Amino acid sequence: MYEIETRADHRLINSIWRAHVDEADEYLEPANEHWGFAFTRLPDGTVSAELTGPTPKPRVLVGIAGASHWGAELHPEVAIARLPKSQLVGRFVPLTCAGGMFTLSGAALPIPGFNELEACIEALEHRGVLRVDPQTRRALRGDRAGYSTRSWQRRVKLVTGLSPMRITQFARARAAEAALRRGKTATEVAAELGFADQAHLTRSFVALRAERPSDIRRP
């Protein structure tokens, strides 16, 4: 069972999600620029928390039968106090959990349930642990006035942990997937989204999603 709720208009959160693993299995996570928090409850009742970093390439997640997971995916322009995002890229960073609390950058908060995730993230912002970098947000939305190309590239990589070009590639791959699911052909998608040709689209999909355009099926 997997459930996701989009929060793309929230200043911090891109989405919140939860999942329950019925049978042990492996799951593929596509490359993406978002990062966030994940909480896990194992069948023995043990609860853990971790930061999930931006994913520069697809990675395989291993599901434990009977485990429950929930978390929040944050916008790439959200920064963490005293923890450079570069240290999170491609990683899972465990957080200290004790007495029903988890700790991040010196702030201890109750471990949230799924319906408490948004309030928990906002509490971390209120405590100064999380903050939105407005210049990076502006740059990622296409407004780069006042900065040289090199300056905004450095700024974006410092805050997000990824290069602007990489983030653009992720967004284009997601747009291509959405178009394919709407029934467009790979040739049409390649032309509409600026890929050099269908082969370029296929290479991008394999690199960022570990699948080919032909693997995408309409819902």
C-alpha atoms as a PDB file:
ATOM      1  CA  MET A   1       0.000   0.000   0.000  1.00  0.00           C
ATOM      2  CA  TYR A   2       1.346   3.419  -0.997  1.00  0.00           C
ATOM      3  CA  GLU A   3      -0.342   6.793  -0.647  1.00  0.00           C
ATOM      4  CA  ILE A   4       0.982  10.212  -1.615  1.00  0.00           C
ATOM      5  CA  GLU A   5      -0.537  13.671  -1.170  1.00  0.00           C
ATOM      6  CA  THR A   6       0.852  16.566  -3.190  1.00  0.00           C
ATOM      7  CA  ARG A   7       1.678  19.786  -1.359  1.00  0.00           C
ATOM      8  CA  ALA A   8       3.513  21.512  -4.222  1.00  0.00           C
ATOM      9  CA  ASP A   9       2.094  24.946  -3.314  1.00  0.00           C
ATOM     10  CA  HIS A  10       3.371  24.688   0.272  1.00  0.00           C
ATOM     11  CA  ARG A  11       6.460  26.857   0.873  1.00  0.00           C
ATOM     12  CA  LEU A  12       8.395  23.877   2.306  1.00  0.00           C
ATOM     13  CA  ILE A  13       6.714  20.632   1.298  1.00  0.00           C
ATOM     14  CA  ASN A  14       6.405  19.030  -2.116  1.00  0.00           C
ATOM     15  CA  SER A  15       4.453  16.000  -0.895  1.00  0.00           C
ATOM     16  CA  ILE A  16       3.703  13.773   2.075  1.00  0.00           C
ATOM     17  CA  TRP A  17       3.486  10.013   1.747  1.00  0.00           C
ATOM     18  CA  ARG A  18       3.000   6.742   3.597  1.00  0.00           C
ATOM     19  CA  ALA A  19       3.458   3.095   2.737  1.00  0.00           C
ATOM     20  CA  HIS A  20       2.995  -0.315   4.281  1.00  0.00           C
ATOM     21  CA  VAL A  21       5.073  -3.257   3.097  1.00  0.00           C
ATOM     22  CA  ASP A  22       2.966  -6.419   2.898  1.00  0.00           C
ATOM     23  CA  GLU A  23       5.704  -8.610   1.433  1.00  0.00           C
ATOM     24  CA  ALA A  24       9.477  -8.140   1.379  1.00  0.00           C
ATOM     25  CA  ASP A  25      10.480  -6.676  -1.963  1.00  0.00           C
ATOM     26  CA  GLU A  26      12.716  -4.165  -3.720  1.00  0.00           C
ATOM     27  CA  TYR A  27      11.445  -0.837  -5.036  1.00  0.00           C
ATOM     28  CA  LEU A  28      13.036   1.511  -7.546  1.00  0.00           C
ATOM     29  CA  GLU A  29      13.164   5.229  -6.703  1.00  0.00           C
ATOM     30  CA  PRO A  30      13.820   7.496  -9.726  1.00  0.00           C
ATOM     31  CA  ALA A  31      16.437  10.234  -9.570  1.00  0.00           C
ATOM     32  CA  ASN A  32      15.041  13.532  -8.267  1.00  0.00           C
ATOM     33  CA  GLU A  33      16.073  16.807  -6.659  1.00  0.00           C
ATOM     34  CA  HIS A  34      13.815  16.654  -3.616  1.00  0.00           C
ATOM     35  CA  TRP A  35      14.877  15.597  -0.138  1.00  0.00           C
ATOM     36  CA  GLY A  36      13.031  15.006   3.084  1.00  0.00           C
ATOM     37  CA  PHE A  37      12.238  13.026   6.198  1.00  0.00           C
ATOM     38  CA  ALA A  38      11.272   9.371   6.488  1.00  0.00           C
ATOM     39  CA  PHE A  39       9.959   7.545   9.542  1.00  0.00           C
ATOM     40  CA  THR A  40       9.763   3.759   9.874  1.00  0.00           C
ATOM     41  CA  ARG A  41       7.942   1.482  12.268  1.00  0.00           C
ATOM     42  CA  LEU A  42       9.184  -2.112  12.170  1.00  0.00           C
ATOM     43  CA  PRO A  43       6.989  -5.105  13.044  1.00  0.00           C
ATOM     44  CA  ASP A  44       8.539  -5.201  16.545  1.00  0.00           C
ATOM     45  CA  GLY A  45       7.346  -1.630  17.173  1.00  0.00           C
ATOM     46  CA  THR A  46      10.760   0.015  16.835  1.00  0.00           C
ATOM     47  CA  VAL A  47      10.525   3.502  15.283  1.00  0.00           C
ATOM     48  CA  SER A  48      13.382   5.218  13.461  1.00  0.00           C
ATOM     49  CA  ALA A  49      13.838   8.474  11.554  1.00  0.00           C
ATOM     50  CA  GLU A  50      16.196   9.569   8.807  1.00  0.00           C
ATOM     51  CA  LEU A  51      16.901  12.302   6.330  1.00  0.00           C
ATOM     52  CA  THR A  52      16.576  11.228   2.719  1.00  0.00           C
ATOM     53  CA  GLY A  53      18.867  13.148   0.410  1.00  0.00           C
ATOM     54  CA  PRO A  54      18.399  14.250  -3.192  1.00  0.00           C
ATOM     55  CA  THR A  55      18.864  11.319  -5.550  1.00  0.00           C
ATOM     56  CA  PRO A  56      21.296  11.951  -8.439  1.00  0.00           C
ATOM     57  CA  LYS A  57      20.575   8.530  -9.966  1.00  0.00           C
ATOM     58  CA  PRO A  58      17.944   5.820  -9.477  1.00  0.00           C
ATOM     59  CA  ARG A  59      18.315   3.747  -6.327  1.00  0.00           C
ATOM     60  CA  VAL A  60      16.802   0.523  -5.055  1.00  0.00           C
ATOM     61  CA  LEU A  61      14.922   0.544  -1.741  1.00  0.00           C
ATOM     62  CA  VAL A  62      14.471  -2.686   0.196  1.00  0.00           C
ATOM     63  CA  GLY A  63      11.110  -3.215   1.891  1.00  0.00           C
ATOM     64  CA  ILE A  64      10.806  -5.271   5.093  1.00  0.00           C
ATOM     65  CA  ALA A  65       7.595  -7.257   5.403  1.00  0.00           C
ATOM     66  CA  GLY A  66       5.259  -5.694   7.954  1.00  0.00           C
ATOM     67  CA  ALA A  67       7.093  -2.366   8.104  1.00  0.00           C
ATOM     68  CA  SER A  68       5.250   0.948   7.863  1.00  0.00           C
ATOM     69  CA  HIS A  69       6.858   4.086   6.448  1.00  0.00           C
ATOM     70  CA  TRP A  70       5.745   7.701   6.251  1.00  0.00           C
ATOM     71  CA  GLY A  71       7.448  10.976   5.486  1.00  0.00           C
ATOM     72  CA  ALA A  72       7.626  14.320   3.731  1.00  0.00           C
ATOM     73  CA  GLU A  73       9.386  15.300   0.531  1.00  0.00           C
ATOM     74  CA  LEU A  74      10.673  18.895   0.678  1.00  0.00           C
ATOM     75  CA  HIS A  75      11.446  21.421  -2.027  1.00  0.00           C
ATOM     76  CA  PRO A  76      15.123  21.555  -3.073  1.00  0.00           C
ATOM     77  CA  GLU A  77      15.448  25.213  -2.007  1.00  0.00           C
ATOM     78  CA  VAL A  78      14.736  24.324   1.631  1.00  0.00           C
ATOM     79  CA  ALA A  79      18.026  24.334   3.575  1.00  0.00           C
ATOM     80  CA  ILE A  80      18.946  22.782   6.927  1.00  0.00           C
ATOM     81  CA  ALA A  81      20.759  24.647   9.677  1.00  0.00           C
ATOM     82  CA  ARG A  82      24.354  23.441  10.143  1.00  0.00           C
ATOM     83  CA  LEU A  83      24.022  20.632   7.623  1.00  0.00           C
ATOM     84  CA  PRO A  84      25.138  21.298   4.016  1.00  0.00           C
ATOM     85  CA  LYS A  85      22.856  19.609   1.533  1.00  0.00           C
ATOM     86  CA  SER A  86      25.937  18.239  -0.234  1.00  0.00           C
ATOM     87  CA  GLN A  87      26.308  15.821   2.697  1.00  0.00           C
ATOM     88  CA  LEU A  88      22.866  14.359   1.951  1.00  0.00           C
ATOM     89  CA  VAL A  89      23.105  13.743  -1.790  1.00  0.00           C
ATOM     90  CA  GLY A  90      22.371  10.102  -2.548  1.00  0.00           C
ATOM     91  CA  ARG A  91      22.319   9.187   1.146  1.00  0.00           C
ATOM     92  CA  PHE A  92      20.039   8.228   4.019  1.00  0.00           C
ATOM     93  CA  VAL A  93      21.186   9.937   7.223  1.00  0.00           C
ATOM     94  CA  PRO A  94      19.850   8.424  10.476  1.00  0.00           C
ATOM     95  CA  LEU A  95      18.456  10.809  13.089  1.00  0.00           C
ATOM     96  CA  THR A  96      18.572  10.233  16.830  1.00  0.00           C
ATOM     97  CA  CYS A  97      15.282   8.867  18.181  1.00  0.00           C
ATOM     98  CA  ALA A  98      14.538   8.421  21.873  1.00  0.00           C
ATOM     99  CA  GLY A  99      11.467   8.636  24.079  1.00  0.00           C
ATOM    100  CA  GLY A 100       9.149   9.280  21.149  1.00  0.00           C
ATOM    101  CA  MET A 101      11.267  12.259  19.968  1.00  0.00           C
ATOM    102  CA  PHE A 102      13.631  12.786  17.044  1.00  0.00           C
ATOM    103  CA  THR A 103      16.453  15.333  16.898  1.00  0.00           C
ATOM    104  CA  LEU A 104      17.708  17.463  13.998  1.00  0.00           C
ATOM    105  CA  SER A 105      20.329  20.227  14.274  1.00  0.00           C
ATOM    106  CA  GLY A 106      19.843  20.415  18.025  1.00  0.00           C
ATOM    107  CA  ALA A 107      16.031  20.611  17.926  1.00  0.00           C
ATOM    108  CA  ALA A 108      14.022  17.741  19.427  1.00  0.00           C
ATOM    109  CA  LEU A 109      10.417  17.225  18.339  1.00  0.00           C
ATOM    110  CA  PRO A 110       7.845  14.463  18.843  1.00  0.00           C
ATOM    111  CA  ILE A 111       7.926  11.830  16.117  1.00  0.00           C
ATOM    112  CA  PRO A 112       4.937  12.826  13.968  1.00  0.00           C
ATOM    113  CA  GLY A 113       2.253  10.568  12.606  1.00  0.00           C
ATOM    114  CA  PHE A 114       1.287  10.843   8.960  1.00  0.00           C
ATOM    115  CA  ASN A 115      -1.350  13.511   9.670  1.00  0.00           C
ATOM    116  CA  GLU A 116       1.125  15.500  11.773  1.00  0.00           C
ATOM    117  CA  LEU A 117       3.914  15.743   9.198  1.00  0.00           C
ATOM    118  CA  GLU A 118       3.013  19.182   7.870  1.00  0.00           C
ATOM    119  CA  ALA A 119       2.826  20.695  11.365  1.00  0.00           C
ATOM    120  CA  CYS A 120       6.132  19.049  12.291  1.00  0.00           C
ATOM    121  CA  ILE A 121       7.934  20.487   9.256  1.00  0.00           C
ATOM    122  CA  GLU A 122       6.506  23.935   9.976  1.00  0.00           C
ATOM    123  CA  ALA A 123       7.657  23.646  13.601  1.00  0.00           C
ATOM    124  CA  LEU A 124      11.198  22.957  12.380  1.00  0.00           C
ATOM    125  CA  GLU A 125      11.011  26.106  10.260  1.00  0.00           C
ATOM    126  CA  HIS A 126       9.738  28.091  13.263  1.00  0.00           C
ATOM    127  CA  ARG A 127      12.733  26.885  15.308  1.00  0.00           C
ATOM    128  CA  GLY A 128      15.138  27.956  12.585  1.00  0.00           C
ATOM    129  CA  VAL A 129      16.185  24.418  11.653  1.00  0.00           C
ATOM    130  CA  LEU A 130      14.681  24.679   8.171  1.00  0.00           C
ATOM    131  CA  ARG A 131      14.585  27.743   5.962  1.00  0.00           C
ATOM    132  CA  VAL A 132      13.698  28.569   2.382  1.00  0.00           C
ATOM    133  CA  ASP A 133      16.490  30.205   0.401  1.00  0.00           C
ATOM    134  CA  PRO A 134      14.542  32.821  -1.585  1.00  0.00           C
ATOM    135  CA  GLN A 135      17.250  33.430  -4.182  1.00  0.00           C
ATOM    136  CA  THR A 136      17.512  29.732  -5.003  1.00  0.00           C
ATOM    137  CA  ARG A 137      13.732  29.451  -5.209  1.00  0.00           C
ATOM    138  CA  ARG A 138      13.697  32.400  -7.600  1.00  0.00           C
ATOM    139  CA  ALA A 139      16.451  30.883  -9.739  1.00  0.00           C
ATOM    140  CA  LEU A 140      14.744  27.485  -9.918  1.00  0.00           C
ATOM    141  CA  ARG A 141      11.607  29.227 -11.154  1.00  0.00           C
ATOM    142  CA  GLY A 142      13.538  30.878 -13.986  1.00  0.00           C
ATOM    143  CA  ASP A 143      14.149  34.362 -12.517  1.00  0.00           C
ATOM    144  CA  ARG A 144      17.926  34.815 -12.437  1.00  0.00           C
ATOM    145  CA  ALA A 145      18.079  38.604 -12.553  1.00  0.00           C
ATOM    146  CA  GLY A 146      20.876  40.190 -10.541  1.00  0.00           C
ATOM    147  CA  TYR A 147      23.229  37.192 -10.711  1.00  0.00           C
ATOM    148  CA  SER A 148      25.759  36.105 -13.295  1.00  0.00           C
ATOM    149  CA  THR A 149      25.219  32.616 -14.692  1.00  0.00           C
ATOM    150  CA  ARG A 150      28.165  31.292 -12.700  1.00  0.00           C
ATOM    151  CA  SER A 151      26.929  32.946  -9.485  1.00  0.00           C
ATOM    152  CA  TRP A 152      23.437  31.491  -9.596  1.00  0.00           C
ATOM    153  CA  GLN A 153      24.816  28.076 -10.565  1.00  0.00           C
ATOM    154  CA  ARG A 154      27.026  28.124  -7.448  1.00  0.00           C
ATOM    155  CA  ARG A 155      24.126  29.338  -5.305  1.00  0.00           C
ATOM    156  CA  VAL A 156      21.764  26.623  -6.508  1.00  0.00           C
ATOM    157  CA  LYS A 157      24.324  23.856  -5.993  1.00  0.00           C
ATOM    158  CA  LEU A 158      25.232  25.147  -2.524  1.00  0.00           C
ATOM    159  CA  VAL A 159      21.593  25.106  -1.363  1.00  0.00           C
ATOM    160  CA  THR A 160      20.271  22.045  -3.207  1.00  0.00           C
ATOM    161  CA  GLY A 161      23.398  19.882  -3.428  1.00  0.00           C
ATOM    162  CA  LEU A 162      22.816  19.474  -7.171  1.00  0.00           C
ATOM    163  CA  SER A 163      23.682  21.457 -10.284  1.00  0.00           C
ATOM    164  CA  PRO A 164      20.946  23.494 -12.003  1.00  0.00           C
ATOM    165  CA  MET A 165      21.399  21.387 -15.127  1.00  0.00           C
ATOM    166  CA  ARG A 166      20.781  18.182 -13.180  1.00  0.00           C
ATOM    167  CA  ILE A 167      17.615  19.605 -11.625  1.00  0.00           C
ATOM    168  CA  THR A 168      16.379  20.645 -15.067  1.00  0.00           C
ATOM    169  CA  GLN A 169      16.988  17.110 -16.343  1.00  0.00           C
ATOM    170  CA  PHE A 170      14.897  15.649 -13.516  1.00  0.00           C
ATOM    171  CA  ALA A 171      12.017  18.032 -14.208  1.00  0.00           C
ATOM    172  CA  ARG A 172      12.100  17.257 -17.917  1.00  0.00           C
ATOM    173  CA  ALA A 173      12.093  13.500 -17.248  1.00  0.00           C
ATOM    174  CA  ARG A 174       8.996  13.895 -15.049  1.00  0.00           C
ATOM    175  CA  ALA A 175       7.294  15.977 -17.743  1.00  0.00           C
ATOM    176  CA  ALA A 176       8.142  13.297 -20.299  1.00  0.00           C
ATOM    177  CA  GLU A 177       6.707  10.563 -18.091  1.00  0.00           C
ATOM    178  CA  ALA A 178       3.474  12.538 -17.628  1.00  0.00           C
ATOM    179  CA  ALA A 179       3.157  13.076 -21.384  1.00  0.00           C
ATOM    180  CA  LEU A 180       3.770   9.390 -22.105  1.00  0.00           C
ATOM    181  CA  ARG A 181       1.097   8.406 -19.583  1.00  0.00           C
ATOM    182  CA  ARG A 182      -1.327  10.732 -21.381  1.00  0.00           C
ATOM    183  CA  GLY A 183      -0.793   8.659 -24.499  1.00  0.00           C
ATOM    184  CA  LYS A 184       1.768  10.665 -26.462  1.00  0.00           C
ATOM    185  CA  THR A 185       4.388   8.732 -28.407  1.00  0.00           C
ATOM    186  CA  ALA A 186       8.078   8.859 -27.507  1.00  0.00           C
ATOM    187  CA  THR A 187       8.747  10.706 -30.766  1.00  0.00           C
ATOM    188  CA  GLU A 188       6.145  13.364 -29.915  1.00  0.00           C
ATOM    189  CA  VAL A 189       7.465  13.758 -26.371  1.00  0.00           C
ATOM    190  CA  ALA A 190      11.067  14.078 -27.531  1.00  0.00           C
ATOM    191  CA  ALA A 191      10.124  16.857 -29.958  1.00  0.00           C
ATOM    192  CA  GLU A 192       7.898  18.738 -27.509  1.00  0.00           C
ATOM    193  CA  LEU A 193      10.340  18.702 -24.575  1.00  0.00           C
ATOM    194  CA  GLY A 194      13.541  19.543 -26.415  1.00  0.00           C
ATOM    195  CA  PHE A 195      15.283  16.175 -26.563  1.00  0.00           C
ATOM    196  CA  ALA A 196      17.552  15.878 -29.596  1.00  0.00           C
ATOM    197  CA  ASP A 197      15.635  12.798 -30.741  1.00  0.00           C
ATOM    198  CA  GLN A 198      13.876   9.705 -29.449  1.00  0.00           C
ATOM    199  CA  ALA A 199      17.212   8.043 -28.672  1.00  0.00           C
ATOM    200  CA  HIS A 200      18.166  11.006 -26.471  1.00  0.00           C
ATOM    201  CA  LEU A 201      14.860  10.663 -24.600  1.00  0.00           C
ATOM    202  CA  THR A 202      15.498   6.955 -24.094  1.00  0.00           C
ATOM    203  CA  ARG A 203      19.032   7.519 -22.763  1.00  0.00           C
ATOM    204  CA  SER A 204      17.747  10.144 -20.342  1.00  0.00           C
ATOM    205  CA  PHE A 205      14.995   7.835 -19.095  1.00  0.00           C
ATOM    206  CA  VAL A 206      17.395   4.949 -18.540  1.00  0.00           C
ATOM    207  CA  ALA A 207      19.865   7.183 -16.677  1.00  0.00           C
ATOM    208  CA  LEU A 208      17.307   8.932 -14.455  1.00  0.00           C
ATOM    209  CA  ARG A 209      14.550   6.334 -14.084  1.00  0.00           C
ATOM    210  CA  ALA A 210      16.213   2.995 -14.904  1.00  0.00           C
ATOM    211  CA  GLU A 211      13.446   2.313 -17.421  1.00  0.00           C
ATOM    212  CA  ARG A 212      12.689   3.036 -21.075  1.00  0.00           C
ATOM    213  CA  PRO A 213       9.859   5.208 -22.429  1.00  0.00           C
ATOM    214  CA  SER A 214       8.274   2.018 -23.757  1.00  0.00           C
ATOM    215  CA  ASP A 215       7.969   0.782 -20.142  1.00  0.00           C
ATOM    216  CA  ILE A 216       5.583   3.628 -19.284  1.00  0.00           C
ATOM    217  CA  ARG A 217       1.950   2.635 -19.462  1.00  0.00           C
ATOM    218  CA  ARG A 218      -1.136   4.787 -19.315  1.00  0.00           C
ATOM    219  CA  PRO A 219      -3.098   4.390 -16.049  1.00  0.00           C
END
